[in-house]
Amino acid sequence: MKKKKKIEVFSVINGLIFIIIALIILIPIWKILVDSFDLKTAYGMKLWPEKFGLDGYQQVLSNPTLSRPLFISFFTTVVGTLLALTLSTLGAYVLIQWEMPGRSFFANLLLFTMIFNGGMIPTYLVLRQFHLTNTLWVVILYPALNVYNLVLMRNFFEGIPASLYEAATLDGSTPMQTFIRIVLPMSKPALASIGLMYAVSYWNDYTHYKLYINNSDLYNFQMKLRGMIMGSDLPTAAGNATENTIKNAAIIVVIIPFMILYPFLQKYFVQGVNIGAVKE
């Protein structure tokens, strides 16, 4: 006779809690999604649009006041993420060169910056001295080197068997050839997880634009969206789209890229979240 599995109270309660949390997250998103397709201005919760249309999304993608910030967000996210990954991987690879003079000093110096920094005003003065303020380079270069991510990448590189490095050296590979041919191909989980963190940071960046950029023509989509939500920079309704429709369509446009991207990176991301957590 087969034994019946006992239903544990904890599992039932745990499942109910997750269902409630999922509903709390999904209900507001569903409302925004419905309102982004609804060409009839209305308030309250609706399951379906009363008057369906894509005019809101057409305005977001075609209206220069919205499409330009959206392009800036895409540009800074792609360029910034690639640059940040390049600096983090190269910096981490340098820090695992055990024979490099001063390796421990530079590692401790980087760790020191995680605890102490110059502060907001000195940072602004330095960036202005380098003529980076009021340019897109300030929001690309400044966040590009994150010491925390660099340390995570270094821990991952240290987990690669030393025998692989030795074999590459015996085969006559230079350190850079070893980095390109062996280290990077084995670092897909780390690159995916850290790259995703960088991309989300660049895409959702608001603080750096607010602090270091005064030219509204250089604002990203998050700055534009914030102005729309606060009512200080509402888009002009055109066609059949209302201001409410355009506003909700803009919110969905902000959310959707990483909703599409995450499933493709989930396999690597799950592996990469434990970078450096366990050392054998």
C-alpha atoms as a PDB file:
ATOM      1  CA  MET A   1       0.000   0.000   0.000  1.00  0.00           C
ATOM      2  CA  LYS A   2       1.237   3.442  -0.865  1.00  0.00           C
ATOM      3  CA  LYS A   3       1.662   5.805   1.998  1.00  0.00           C
ATOM      4  CA  LYS A   4      -0.284   9.018   1.702  1.00  0.00           C
ATOM      5  CA  LYS A   5       1.842  12.103   1.930  1.00  0.00           C
ATOM      6  CA  LYS A   6       0.924  14.311   4.829  1.00  0.00           C
ATOM      7  CA  ILE A   7       0.153  17.878   4.001  1.00  0.00           C
ATOM      8  CA  GLU A   8       2.278  20.047   6.242  1.00  0.00           C
ATOM      9  CA  VAL A   9       0.705  23.160   7.697  1.00  0.00           C
ATOM     10  CA  PHE A  10       3.864  25.137   7.021  1.00  0.00           C
ATOM     11  CA  SER A  11       3.769  24.324   3.282  1.00  0.00           C
ATOM     12  CA  VAL A  12       0.125  25.399   3.033  1.00  0.00           C
ATOM     13  CA  ILE A  13       0.724  28.673   4.865  1.00  0.00           C
ATOM     14  CA  ASN A  14       3.891  29.292   2.869  1.00  0.00           C
ATOM     15  CA  GLY A  15       1.993  28.765  -0.399  1.00  0.00           C
ATOM     16  CA  LEU A  16      -0.819  31.109   0.668  1.00  0.00           C
ATOM     17  CA  ILE A  17       1.666  33.816   1.637  1.00  0.00           C
ATOM     18  CA  PHE A  18       3.398  33.603  -1.755  1.00  0.00           C
ATOM     19  CA  ILE A  19       0.035  33.748  -3.555  1.00  0.00           C
ATOM     20  CA  ILE A  20      -0.906  36.881  -1.612  1.00  0.00           C
ATOM     21  CA  ILE A  21       2.473  38.490  -2.334  1.00  0.00           C
ATOM     22  CA  ALA A  22       2.134  37.614  -6.037  1.00  0.00           C
ATOM     23  CA  LEU A  23      -1.321  39.210  -6.173  1.00  0.00           C
ATOM     24  CA  ILE A  24      -0.075  42.335  -4.395  1.00  0.00           C
ATOM     25  CA  ILE A  25       2.623  42.658  -7.067  1.00  0.00           C
ATOM     26  CA  LEU A  26       0.547  41.685 -10.110  1.00  0.00           C
ATOM     27  CA  ILE A  27      -2.659  43.663  -9.451  1.00  0.00           C
ATOM     28  CA  PRO A  28      -1.035  47.143  -9.781  1.00  0.00           C
ATOM     29  CA  ILE A  29       0.895  45.984 -12.867  1.00  0.00           C
ATOM     30  CA  TRP A  30      -2.321  44.654 -14.427  1.00  0.00           C
ATOM     31  CA  LYS A  31      -4.088  47.969 -13.771  1.00  0.00           C
ATOM     32  CA  ILE A  32      -1.272  49.914 -15.442  1.00  0.00           C
ATOM     33  CA  LEU A  33      -1.263  47.475 -18.377  1.00  0.00           C
ATOM     34  CA  VAL A  34      -5.020  47.804 -18.882  1.00  0.00           C
ATOM     35  CA  ASP A  35      -4.914  51.602 -18.619  1.00  0.00           C
ATOM     36  CA  SER A  36      -2.069  51.738 -21.164  1.00  0.00           C
ATOM     37  CA  PHE A  37      -4.387  50.204 -23.782  1.00  0.00           C
ATOM     38  CA  ASP A  38      -7.520  52.092 -22.697  1.00  0.00           C
ATOM     39  CA  LEU A  39      -8.190  55.200 -24.780  1.00  0.00           C
ATOM     40  CA  LYS A  40     -10.959  56.293 -22.433  1.00  0.00           C
ATOM     41  CA  THR A  41      -9.832  58.209 -19.360  1.00  0.00           C
ATOM     42  CA  ALA A  42     -11.242  56.550 -16.264  1.00  0.00           C
ATOM     43  CA  TYR A  43     -10.250  55.897 -12.699  1.00  0.00           C
ATOM     44  CA  GLY A  44     -10.538  52.770 -10.613  1.00  0.00           C
ATOM     45  CA  MET A  45      -9.730  49.131 -11.290  1.00  0.00           C
ATOM     46  CA  LYS A  46     -10.803  47.615 -14.603  1.00  0.00           C
ATOM     47  CA  LEU A  47     -10.180  44.070 -15.804  1.00  0.00           C
ATOM     48  CA  TRP A  48     -10.251  45.035 -19.506  1.00  0.00           C
ATOM     49  CA  PRO A  49      -9.865  48.266 -21.495  1.00  0.00           C
ATOM     50  CA  GLU A  50     -13.185  49.953 -22.292  1.00  0.00           C
ATOM     51  CA  LYS A  51     -11.805  51.335 -25.551  1.00  0.00           C
ATOM     52  CA  PHE A  52      -8.798  49.341 -26.767  1.00  0.00           C
ATOM     53  CA  GLY A  53      -6.036  51.047 -28.745  1.00  0.00           C
ATOM     54  CA  LEU A  54      -2.253  51.245 -29.224  1.00  0.00           C
ATOM     55  CA  ASP A  55      -2.145  55.029 -29.529  1.00  0.00           C
ATOM     56  CA  GLY A  56      -0.421  55.397 -26.149  1.00  0.00           C
ATOM     57  CA  TYR A  57       2.520  53.255 -27.212  1.00  0.00           C
ATOM     58  CA  GLN A  58       2.667  54.984 -30.590  1.00  0.00           C
ATOM     59  CA  GLN A  59       3.043  58.313 -28.807  1.00  0.00           C
ATOM     60  CA  VAL A  60       5.810  56.988 -26.543  1.00  0.00           C
ATOM     61  CA  LEU A  61       7.791  55.690 -29.520  1.00  0.00           C
ATOM     62  CA  SER A  62       7.123  58.537 -31.967  1.00  0.00           C
ATOM     63  CA  ASN A  63       6.782  61.680 -29.862  1.00  0.00           C
ATOM     64  CA  PRO A  64      10.269  63.317 -29.712  1.00  0.00           C
ATOM     65  CA  THR A  65       9.723  64.457 -26.117  1.00  0.00           C
ATOM     66  CA  LEU A  66       9.380  60.779 -25.152  1.00  0.00           C
ATOM     67  CA  SER A  67      11.377  58.881 -27.785  1.00  0.00           C
ATOM     68  CA  ARG A  68      14.577  60.905 -27.201  1.00  0.00           C
ATOM     69  CA  PRO A  69      14.766  60.102 -23.442  1.00  0.00           C
ATOM     70  CA  LEU A  70      13.958  56.490 -24.282  1.00  0.00           C
ATOM     71  CA  PHE A  71      16.857  56.356 -26.759  1.00  0.00           C
ATOM     72  CA  ILE A  72      19.174  57.930 -24.156  1.00  0.00           C
ATOM     73  CA  SER A  73      18.153  55.240 -21.640  1.00  0.00           C
ATOM     74  CA  PHE A  74      18.898  52.465 -24.140  1.00  0.00           C
ATOM     75  CA  PHE A  75      22.204  54.045 -25.176  1.00  0.00           C
ATOM     76  CA  THR A  76      23.520  54.632 -21.655  1.00  0.00           C
ATOM     77  CA  THR A  77      22.368  51.182 -20.513  1.00  0.00           C
ATOM     78  CA  VAL A  78      24.080  49.305 -23.347  1.00  0.00           C
ATOM     79  CA  VAL A  79      27.291  51.355 -23.404  1.00  0.00           C
ATOM     80  CA  GLY A  80      27.492  51.634 -19.609  1.00  0.00           C
ATOM     81  CA  THR A  81      26.914  47.919 -19.021  1.00  0.00           C
ATOM     82  CA  LEU A  82      29.554  46.891 -21.569  1.00  0.00           C
ATOM     83  CA  LEU A  83      32.061  49.368 -20.136  1.00  0.00           C
ATOM     84  CA  ALA A  84      31.294  48.369 -16.552  1.00  0.00           C
ATOM     85  CA  LEU A  85      31.689  44.667 -17.326  1.00  0.00           C
ATOM     86  CA  THR A  86      34.982  45.360 -19.107  1.00  0.00           C
ATOM     87  CA  LEU A  87      36.390  47.295 -16.155  1.00  0.00           C
ATOM     88  CA  SER A  88      35.104  44.825 -13.572  1.00  0.00           C
ATOM     89  CA  THR A  89      36.437  41.737 -15.342  1.00  0.00           C
ATOM     90  CA  LEU A  90      39.823  43.266 -16.154  1.00  0.00           C
ATOM     91  CA  GLY A  91      40.171  44.697 -12.638  1.00  0.00           C
ATOM     92  CA  ALA A  92      39.203  41.378 -11.053  1.00  0.00           C
ATOM     93  CA  TYR A  93      41.641  39.488 -13.275  1.00  0.00           C
ATOM     94  CA  VAL A  94      44.455  41.818 -12.255  1.00  0.00           C
ATOM     95  CA  LEU A  95      43.686  41.244  -8.575  1.00  0.00           C
ATOM     96  CA  ILE A  96      44.159  37.463  -8.887  1.00  0.00           C
ATOM     97  CA  GLN A  97      47.669  37.814 -10.321  1.00  0.00           C
ATOM     98  CA  TRP A  98      49.400  36.540  -7.200  1.00  0.00           C
ATOM     99  CA  GLU A  99      52.894  37.533  -8.323  1.00  0.00           C
ATOM    100  CA  MET A 100      51.965  41.146  -9.104  1.00  0.00           C
ATOM    101  CA  PRO A 101      53.805  43.608  -6.801  1.00  0.00           C
ATOM    102  CA  GLY A 102      51.403  45.582  -4.594  1.00  0.00           C
ATOM    103  CA  ARG A 103      48.420  43.327  -5.308  1.00  0.00           C
ATOM    104  CA  SER A 104      47.293  43.272  -1.667  1.00  0.00           C
ATOM    105  CA  PHE A 105      47.726  47.037  -1.361  1.00  0.00           C
ATOM    106  CA  PHE A 106      45.515  47.771  -4.362  1.00  0.00           C
ATOM    107  CA  ALA A 107      42.923  45.220  -3.222  1.00  0.00           C
ATOM    108  CA  ASN A 108      42.735  46.819   0.227  1.00  0.00           C
ATOM    109  CA  LEU A 109      42.614  50.280  -1.343  1.00  0.00           C
ATOM    110  CA  LEU A 110      39.571  49.269  -3.387  1.00  0.00           C
ATOM    111  CA  LEU A 111      37.897  47.717  -0.354  1.00  0.00           C
ATOM    112  CA  PHE A 112      38.547  50.944   1.562  1.00  0.00           C
ATOM    113  CA  THR A 113      36.449  52.870  -0.955  1.00  0.00           C
ATOM    114  CA  MET A 114      33.477  50.610  -0.185  1.00  0.00           C
ATOM    115  CA  ILE A 115      33.440  52.000   3.361  1.00  0.00           C
ATOM    116  CA  PHE A 116      34.599  55.583   2.865  1.00  0.00           C
ATOM    117  CA  ASN A 117      34.106  57.998  -0.029  1.00  0.00           C
ATOM    118  CA  GLY A 118      34.660  61.663  -0.708  1.00  0.00           C
ATOM    119  CA  GLY A 119      31.039  62.681  -0.265  1.00  0.00           C
ATOM    120  CA  MET A 120      28.509  64.217  -2.597  1.00  0.00           C
ATOM    121  CA  ILE A 121      29.912  67.755  -2.907  1.00  0.00           C
ATOM    122  CA  PRO A 122      33.604  66.777  -3.404  1.00  0.00           C
ATOM    123  CA  THR A 123      32.486  64.183  -5.958  1.00  0.00           C
ATOM    124  CA  TYR A 124      30.511  66.807  -7.846  1.00  0.00           C
ATOM    125  CA  LEU A 125      33.469  69.219  -7.816  1.00  0.00           C
ATOM    126  CA  VAL A 126      35.820  66.521  -9.147  1.00  0.00           C
ATOM    127  CA  LEU A 127      33.425  65.561 -11.930  1.00  0.00           C
ATOM    128  CA  ARG A 128      32.964  69.204 -12.865  1.00  0.00           C
ATOM    129  CA  GLN A 129      36.743  69.695 -12.889  1.00  0.00           C
ATOM    130  CA  PHE A 130      36.973  66.895 -15.444  1.00  0.00           C
ATOM    131  CA  HIS A 131      34.220  68.586 -17.503  1.00  0.00           C
ATOM    132  CA  LEU A 132      31.941  65.577 -17.174  1.00  0.00           C
ATOM    133  CA  THR A 133      28.898  67.322 -15.734  1.00  0.00           C
ATOM    134  CA  ASN A 134      26.075  68.040 -18.184  1.00  0.00           C
ATOM    135  CA  THR A 135      27.292  65.250 -20.470  1.00  0.00           C
ATOM    136  CA  LEU A 136      26.146  61.663 -20.851  1.00  0.00           C
ATOM    137  CA  TRP A 137      29.636  60.509 -19.957  1.00  0.00           C
ATOM    138  CA  VAL A 138      29.048  61.390 -16.312  1.00  0.00           C
ATOM    139  CA  VAL A 139      26.188  58.876 -16.064  1.00  0.00           C
ATOM    140  CA  ILE A 140      28.178  56.250 -17.985  1.00  0.00           C
ATOM    141  CA  LEU A 141      31.680  56.520 -16.517  1.00  0.00           C
ATOM    142  CA  TYR A 142      30.917  57.328 -12.879  1.00  0.00           C
ATOM    143  CA  PRO A 143      28.816  54.209 -12.090  1.00  0.00           C
ATOM    144  CA  ALA A 144      30.934  51.989 -14.362  1.00  0.00           C
ATOM    145  CA  LEU A 145      33.344  50.788 -11.677  1.00  0.00           C
ATOM    146  CA  ASN A 146      31.466  49.242  -8.782  1.00  0.00           C
ATOM    147  CA  VAL A 147      33.909  47.792  -6.263  1.00  0.00           C
ATOM    148  CA  TYR A 148      31.340  45.374  -4.873  1.00  0.00           C
ATOM    149  CA  ASN A 149      30.777  43.805  -8.296  1.00  0.00           C
ATOM    150  CA  LEU A 150      34.523  43.800  -8.925  1.00  0.00           C
ATOM    151  CA  VAL A 151      35.078  41.837  -5.699  1.00  0.00           C
ATOM    152  CA  LEU A 152      32.348  39.366  -6.686  1.00  0.00           C
ATOM    153  CA  MET A 153      34.018  38.856 -10.040  1.00  0.00           C
ATOM    154  CA  ARG A 154      37.403  38.390  -8.380  1.00  0.00           C
ATOM    155  CA  ASN A 155      35.948  35.728  -6.073  1.00  0.00           C
ATOM    156  CA  PHE A 156      34.533  33.920  -9.089  1.00  0.00           C
ATOM    157  CA  PHE A 157      37.876  34.011 -10.902  1.00  0.00           C
ATOM    158  CA  GLU A 158      39.569  32.628  -7.795  1.00  0.00           C
ATOM    159  CA  GLY A 159      37.168  29.682  -7.922  1.00  0.00           C
ATOM    160  CA  ILE A 160      38.452  28.626 -11.347  1.00  0.00           C
ATOM    161  CA  PRO A 161      40.894  25.707 -10.863  1.00  0.00           C
ATOM    162  CA  ALA A 162      44.499  26.872 -10.734  1.00  0.00           C
ATOM    163  CA  SER A 163      45.470  23.955 -12.964  1.00  0.00           C
ATOM    164  CA  LEU A 164      43.704  25.657 -15.896  1.00  0.00           C
ATOM    165  CA  TYR A 165      45.823  28.773 -15.470  1.00  0.00           C
ATOM    166  CA  GLU A 166      48.965  26.662 -15.208  1.00  0.00           C
ATOM    167  CA  ALA A 167      48.054  24.632 -18.310  1.00  0.00           C
ATOM    168  CA  ALA A 168      47.458  27.804 -20.311  1.00  0.00           C
ATOM    169  CA  THR A 169      50.824  29.187 -19.194  1.00  0.00           C
ATOM    170  CA  LEU A 170      52.592  25.957 -20.185  1.00  0.00           C
ATOM    171  CA  ASP A 171      50.924  26.148 -23.611  1.00  0.00           C
ATOM    172  CA  GLY A 172      52.541  29.535 -24.099  1.00  0.00           C
ATOM    173  CA  SER A 173      49.436  31.716 -23.555  1.00  0.00           C
ATOM    174  CA  THR A 174      49.995  35.240 -22.322  1.00  0.00           C
ATOM    175  CA  PRO A 175      47.917  36.433 -19.349  1.00  0.00           C
ATOM    176  CA  MET A 176      45.574  38.307 -21.719  1.00  0.00           C
ATOM    177  CA  GLN A 177      45.169  35.245 -23.954  1.00  0.00           C
ATOM    178  CA  THR A 178      44.357  33.168 -20.875  1.00  0.00           C
ATOM    179  CA  PHE A 179      41.803  35.766 -19.867  1.00  0.00           C
ATOM    180  CA  ILE A 180      40.068  35.776 -23.259  1.00  0.00           C
ATOM    181  CA  ARG A 181      40.260  32.061 -24.100  1.00  0.00           C
ATOM    182  CA  ILE A 182      39.753  30.446 -20.693  1.00  0.00           C
ATOM    183  CA  VAL A 183      38.539  32.843 -18.006  1.00  0.00           C
ATOM    184  CA  LEU A 184      35.771  34.641 -19.891  1.00  0.00           C
ATOM    185  CA  PRO A 185      34.164  31.510 -21.425  1.00  0.00           C
ATOM    186  CA  MET A 186      33.998  29.947 -17.955  1.00  0.00           C
ATOM    187  CA  SER A 187      32.541  33.090 -16.395  1.00  0.00           C
ATOM    188  CA  LYS A 188      29.124  33.184 -18.087  1.00  0.00           C
ATOM    189  CA  PRO A 189      27.157  32.923 -14.793  1.00  0.00           C
ATOM    190  CA  ALA A 190      29.165  35.761 -13.262  1.00  0.00           C
ATOM    191  CA  LEU A 191      28.965  37.921 -16.373  1.00  0.00           C
ATOM    192  CA  ALA A 192      25.204  37.358 -16.663  1.00  0.00           C
ATOM    193  CA  SER A 193      24.381  38.113 -13.041  1.00  0.00           C
ATOM    194  CA  ILE A 194      26.707  41.096 -12.639  1.00  0.00           C
ATOM    195  CA  GLY A 195      25.837  42.390 -16.114  1.00  0.00           C
ATOM    196  CA  LEU A 196      22.147  42.241 -15.232  1.00  0.00           C
ATOM    197  CA  MET A 197      22.778  44.207 -12.041  1.00  0.00           C
ATOM    198  CA  TYR A 198      24.685  46.837 -13.994  1.00  0.00           C
ATOM    199  CA  ALA A 199      22.000  47.019 -16.687  1.00  0.00           C
ATOM    200  CA  VAL A 200      19.194  47.462 -14.159  1.00  0.00           C
ATOM    201  CA  SER A 201      21.212  50.147 -12.381  1.00  0.00           C
ATOM    202  CA  TYR A 202      21.819  52.101 -15.592  1.00  0.00           C
ATOM    203  CA  TRP A 203      18.257  51.677 -16.850  1.00  0.00           C
ATOM    204  CA  ASN A 204      16.700  52.842 -13.562  1.00  0.00           C
ATOM    205  CA  ASP A 205      19.236  55.589 -12.922  1.00  0.00           C
ATOM    206  CA  TYR A 206      17.655  58.763 -11.608  1.00  0.00           C
ATOM    207  CA  THR A 207      20.041  60.106  -8.970  1.00  0.00           C
ATOM    208  CA  HIS A 208      23.049  60.727 -11.227  1.00  0.00           C
ATOM    209  CA  TYR A 209      20.919  62.571 -13.791  1.00  0.00           C
ATOM    210  CA  LYS A 210      19.382  64.694 -11.049  1.00  0.00           C
ATOM    211  CA  LEU A 211      22.735  65.583  -9.475  1.00  0.00           C
ATOM    212  CA  TYR A 212      25.047  66.013 -12.437  1.00  0.00           C
ATOM    213  CA  ILE A 213      22.890  67.000 -15.434  1.00  0.00           C
ATOM    214  CA  ASN A 214      20.979  70.275 -15.776  1.00  0.00           C
ATOM    215  CA  ASN A 215      20.293  70.051 -19.505  1.00  0.00           C
ATOM    216  CA  SER A 216      16.813  68.550 -19.939  1.00  0.00           C
ATOM    217  CA  ASP A 217      17.753  67.394 -23.453  1.00  0.00           C
ATOM    218  CA  LEU A 218      20.095  64.841 -21.841  1.00  0.00           C
ATOM    219  CA  TYR A 219      17.555  63.403 -19.413  1.00  0.00           C
ATOM    220  CA  ASN A 220      16.808  59.701 -19.608  1.00  0.00           C
ATOM    221  CA  PHE A 221      13.379  58.082 -19.648  1.00  0.00           C
ATOM    222  CA  GLN A 222      13.264  57.736 -15.860  1.00  0.00           C
ATOM    223  CA  MET A 223      13.610  61.504 -15.447  1.00  0.00           C
ATOM    224  CA  LYS A 224      10.891  62.066 -18.033  1.00  0.00           C
ATOM    225  CA  LEU A 225       8.644  59.483 -16.401  1.00  0.00           C
ATOM    226  CA  ARG A 226       9.083  61.047 -12.985  1.00  0.00           C
ATOM    227  CA  GLY A 227       8.031  64.428 -14.390  1.00  0.00           C
ATOM    228  CA  MET A 228       4.972  62.794 -15.966  1.00  0.00           C
ATOM    229  CA  ILE A 229       3.938  61.058 -12.744  1.00  0.00           C
ATOM    230  CA  MET A 230       4.399  64.220 -10.668  1.00  0.00           C
ATOM    231  CA  GLY A 231       2.392  66.220 -13.206  1.00  0.00           C
ATOM    232  CA  SER A 232       5.160  68.721 -13.981  1.00  0.00           C
ATOM    233  CA  ASP A 233       5.952  67.350 -17.438  1.00  0.00           C
ATOM    234  CA  LEU A 234       2.782  65.819 -18.803  1.00  0.00           C
ATOM    235  CA  PRO A 235       2.873  64.771 -22.468  1.00  0.00           C
ATOM    236  CA  THR A 236       0.545  66.428 -24.928  1.00  0.00           C
ATOM    237  CA  ALA A 237      -2.300  64.084 -25.797  1.00  0.00           C
ATOM    238  CA  ALA A 238      -2.486  63.332 -29.513  1.00  0.00           C
ATOM    239  CA  GLY A 239      -4.736  61.181 -31.660  1.00  0.00           C
ATOM    240  CA  ASN A 240      -7.034  59.012 -29.573  1.00  0.00           C
ATOM    241  CA  ALA A 241      -4.583  58.681 -26.684  1.00  0.00           C
ATOM    242  CA  THR A 242      -5.276  60.553 -23.454  1.00  0.00           C
ATOM    243  CA  GLU A 243      -2.619  61.809 -21.050  1.00  0.00           C
ATOM    244  CA  ASN A 244      -3.457  58.932 -18.695  1.00  0.00           C
ATOM    245  CA  THR A 245      -3.034  56.393 -21.518  1.00  0.00           C
ATOM    246  CA  ILE A 246       0.368  57.783 -22.522  1.00  0.00           C
ATOM    247  CA  LYS A 247       1.531  57.911 -18.912  1.00  0.00           C
ATOM    248  CA  ASN A 248       0.670  54.251 -18.285  1.00  0.00           C
ATOM    249  CA  ALA A 249       2.125  53.184 -21.635  1.00  0.00           C
ATOM    250  CA  ALA A 250       5.395  54.881 -20.639  1.00  0.00           C
ATOM    251  CA  ILE A 251       5.452  52.925 -17.371  1.00  0.00           C
ATOM    252  CA  ILE A 252       4.998  49.626 -19.238  1.00  0.00           C
ATOM    253  CA  VAL A 253       7.773  50.570 -21.669  1.00  0.00           C
ATOM    254  CA  VAL A 254      10.099  51.054 -18.672  1.00  0.00           C
ATOM    255  CA  ILE A 255       9.173  47.676 -17.191  1.00  0.00           C
ATOM    256  CA  ILE A 256       9.014  45.478 -20.281  1.00  0.00           C
ATOM    257  CA  PRO A 257      12.711  45.282 -21.413  1.00  0.00           C
ATOM    258  CA  PHE A 258      13.884  43.405 -18.318  1.00  0.00           C
ATOM    259  CA  MET A 259      10.729  41.293 -18.189  1.00  0.00           C
ATOM    260  CA  ILE A 260      11.778  40.039 -21.631  1.00  0.00           C
ATOM    261  CA  LEU A 261      15.490  39.828 -20.848  1.00  0.00           C
ATOM    262  CA  TYR A 262      15.368  38.091 -17.466  1.00  0.00           C
ATOM    263  CA  PRO A 263      13.998  34.662 -18.606  1.00  0.00           C
ATOM    264  CA  PHE A 264      16.941  34.287 -21.000  1.00  0.00           C
ATOM    265  CA  LEU A 265      19.452  35.097 -18.242  1.00  0.00           C
ATOM    266  CA  GLN A 266      17.681  33.307 -15.393  1.00  0.00           C
ATOM    267  CA  LYS A 267      19.737  30.110 -15.791  1.00  0.00           C
ATOM    268  CA  TYR A 268      22.998  32.017 -15.452  1.00  0.00           C
ATOM    269  CA  PHE A 269      21.655  34.437 -12.874  1.00  0.00           C
ATOM    270  CA  VAL A 270      20.643  31.657 -10.456  1.00  0.00           C
ATOM    271  CA  GLN A 271      24.174  30.230 -10.732  1.00  0.00           C
ATOM    272  CA  GLY A 272      25.783  33.638 -10.367  1.00  0.00           C
ATOM    273  CA  VAL A 273      23.972  34.855  -7.260  1.00  0.00           C
ATOM    274  CA  ASN A 274      26.139  32.522  -5.166  1.00  0.00           C
ATOM    275  CA  ILE A 275      29.413  33.932  -6.508  1.00  0.00           C
ATOM    276  CA  GLY A 276      31.980  33.867  -3.765  1.00  0.00           C
ATOM    277  CA  ALA A 277      29.470  32.533  -1.228  1.00  0.00           C
ATOM    278  CA  VAL A 278      31.273  29.206  -0.834  1.00  0.00           C
ATOM    279  CA  LYS A 279      34.968  28.539  -1.104  1.00  0.00           C
ATOM    280  CA  GLU A 280      36.360  25.049  -1.133  1.00  0.00           C
END
